[in-house]
Amino acid sequence: MTKTPDGIEVIEEPQPGRRRRFTAEEKRRLVTEAVAPGSSVSLVARRNGISSSLLFRWRRLMEQGELESLGADEQVVPASEAKQLRVRVRELERLLGRKTLEAEILKEALELTRSKKLLLRSSWPGPGDSK
């Protein structure tokens, strides 16, 4: 944003199709600036060329205590989605355990079958052997 000699503010549009990335520190700074006395979300958003809804979202995330994930530059996942994922992981682990057990049982059965075949072959009389 630039000011002309006439005192008119010119808001420069970001390049279309390009998404800007903000660090966690930049997000905190902008939210802190927006909630400061005498300031507003709209004013800070306009001054920095971002959507006011984005600033409102960052502020809500900070208020919900999800600032830690912003500090680590990680994506924020809703608690309900995280719970569903944990349930899914437990179910998959249970299925994996069941399949592992089935594989072990089948392996033992195969070994038992092979040993029985060897016993039977060794007890059969060969050609030319008398009974």
Protein backbone atom coordinates (compact mmCIF):
# COMPACT_ATOMS: atom_id res chain seq x y z
CA MET A 1 0.00 0.00 0.00
CA THR A 2 1.41 3.40 -0.94
CA LYS A 3 0.26 6.96 -0.38
CA THR A 4 0.13 9.57 -3.10
CA PRO A 5 1.01 13.22 -2.46
CA ASP A 6 -2.72 13.94 -2.35
CA GLY A 7 -3.07 11.65 0.70
CA ILE A 8 -4.86 8.95 -1.27
CA GLU A 9 -4.00 5.38 -0.33
CA VAL A 10 -3.32 3.01 -3.20
CA ILE A 11 -3.80 -0.63 -2.30
CA GLU A 12 -1.65 -2.90 -4.44
CA GLU A 13 -3.18 -6.22 -5.35
CA PRO A 14 -1.04 -9.32 -4.88
CA GLN A 15 -0.23 -11.22 -8.06
CA PRO A 16 -3.17 -13.39 -9.10
CA GLY A 17 -2.73 -17.09 -8.67
CA ARG A 18 0.12 -16.74 -6.19
CA ARG A 19 -0.47 -17.79 -2.62
CA ARG A 20 1.52 -16.00 0.03
CA ARG A 21 2.97 -17.97 2.93
CA PHE A 22 3.10 -16.43 6.38
CA THR A 23 5.39 -17.62 9.13
CA ALA A 24 3.97 -18.22 12.58
CA GLU A 25 5.72 -15.09 13.82
CA GLU A 26 4.12 -12.97 11.07
CA LYS A 27 0.70 -14.38 11.94
CA ARG A 28 1.18 -13.58 15.62
CA ARG A 29 2.42 -10.08 14.84
CA LEU A 30 -0.55 -9.31 12.56
CA VAL A 31 -3.10 -10.67 15.05
CA THR A 32 -1.48 -8.75 17.91
CA GLU A 33 -1.53 -5.60 15.80
CA ALA A 34 -5.20 -6.15 14.92
CA VAL A 35 -6.33 -6.53 18.55
CA ALA A 36 -4.30 -3.56 19.78
CA PRO A 37 -6.31 -0.59 21.13
CA GLY A 38 -7.23 1.85 18.38
CA SER A 39 -6.70 -0.71 15.63
CA SER A 40 -9.05 -3.05 13.81
CA VAL A 41 -8.87 -6.28 11.90
CA SER A 42 -10.05 -4.58 8.71
CA LEU A 43 -7.42 -1.86 8.96
CA VAL A 44 -4.55 -4.29 9.57
CA ALA A 45 -5.78 -6.62 6.81
CA ARG A 46 -6.04 -3.76 4.30
CA ARG A 47 -2.65 -2.36 5.28
CA ASN A 48 -1.00 -5.76 4.74
CA GLY A 49 -2.96 -6.76 1.64
CA ILE A 50 -4.67 -9.80 3.14
CA SER A 51 -8.25 -10.85 3.67
CA SER A 52 -9.81 -9.79 6.95
CA SER A 53 -11.37 -13.26 7.21
CA LEU A 54 -7.85 -14.72 7.26
CA LEU A 55 -6.94 -12.48 10.18
CA PHE A 56 -10.15 -13.43 11.98
CA ARG A 57 -9.29 -17.12 11.44
CA TRP A 58 -5.77 -16.67 12.84
CA ARG A 59 -7.19 -14.81 15.83
CA ARG A 60 -9.73 -17.60 16.48
CA LEU A 61 -6.97 -20.24 16.28
CA MET A 62 -4.89 -18.30 18.77
CA GLU A 63 -7.84 -17.97 21.14
CA GLN A 64 -8.57 -21.70 20.91
CA GLY A 65 -5.06 -22.48 22.09
CA GLU A 66 -3.93 -23.79 18.74
CA LEU A 67 -1.10 -21.29 18.77
CA GLU A 68 1.36 -24.10 19.46
CA SER A 69 0.74 -25.57 16.03
CA LEU A 70 1.11 -22.13 14.50
CA GLY A 71 4.41 -21.79 16.32
CA ALA A 72 5.62 -25.06 14.89
CA ASP A 73 4.39 -24.09 11.40
CA GLU A 74 2.18 -27.18 11.37
CA GLN A 75 -1.31 -27.46 10.02
CA VAL A 76 -4.14 -27.28 12.53
CA VAL A 77 -6.42 -30.33 12.59
CA PRO A 78 -9.80 -30.17 14.33
CA ALA A 79 -10.05 -32.31 17.48
CA SER A 80 -12.95 -34.31 16.02
CA GLU A 81 -10.87 -35.23 12.97
CA ALA A 82 -7.91 -36.20 15.16
CA LYS A 83 -10.20 -38.42 17.26
CA GLN A 84 -11.57 -40.12 14.13
CA LEU A 85 -8.03 -40.72 12.90
CA ARG A 86 -7.00 -42.26 16.24
CA VAL A 87 -10.01 -44.61 16.11
CA ARG A 88 -9.10 -45.57 12.54
CA VAL A 89 -5.47 -46.25 13.52
CA ARG A 90 -6.62 -48.49 16.41
CA GLU A 91 -8.93 -50.41 14.05
CA LEU A 92 -6.13 -50.87 11.51
CA GLU A 93 -3.73 -52.03 14.24
CA ARG A 94 -6.33 -54.56 15.41
CA LEU A 95 -6.79 -55.85 11.85
CA LEU A 96 -3.03 -56.04 11.38
CA GLY A 97 -2.72 -58.08 14.57
CA ARG A 98 -5.45 -60.45 13.38
CA LYS A 99 -3.80 -60.90 9.97
CA THR A 100 -0.41 -61.50 11.60
CA LEU A 101 -1.94 -64.19 13.81
CA GLU A 102 -3.62 -65.81 10.78
CA ALA A 103 -0.31 -65.80 8.90
CA GLU A 104 1.44 -67.49 11.84
CA ILE A 105 -1.27 -70.15 12.09
CA LEU A 106 -1.08 -70.83 8.35
CA LYS A 107 2.72 -71.04 8.50
CA GLU A 108 2.53 -73.62 11.31
CA ALA A 109 -0.11 -75.61 9.41
CA LEU A 110 2.08 -75.59 6.29
CA GLU A 111 5.10 -76.82 8.26
CA LEU A 112 3.01 -79.56 9.86
CA THR A 113 1.69 -80.64 6.46
CA ARG A 114 5.20 -80.78 5.01
CA SER A 115 6.49 -82.87 7.92
CA LYS A 116 3.57 -85.33 7.54
CA LYS A 117 4.26 -85.69 3.82
CA LEU A 118 7.92 -86.45 4.54
CA LEU A 119 6.92 -89.08 7.12
CA LEU A 120 4.49 -90.69 4.71
CA ARG A 121 7.03 -90.75 1.89
CA SER A 122 9.69 -92.32 4.11
CA SER A 123 7.31 -95.10 5.28
CA TRP A 124 6.13 -96.04 1.76
CA PRO A 125 7.92 -98.99 0.21
CA GLY A 126 9.90 -98.04 -2.84
CA PRO A 127 9.85 -99.93 -6.18
CA GLY A 128 11.47 -103.27 -5.76
CA ASP A 129 10.98 -103.33 -1.98
CA SER A 130 9.14 -106.35 -0.66
CA LYS A 131 6.33 -106.14 1.82
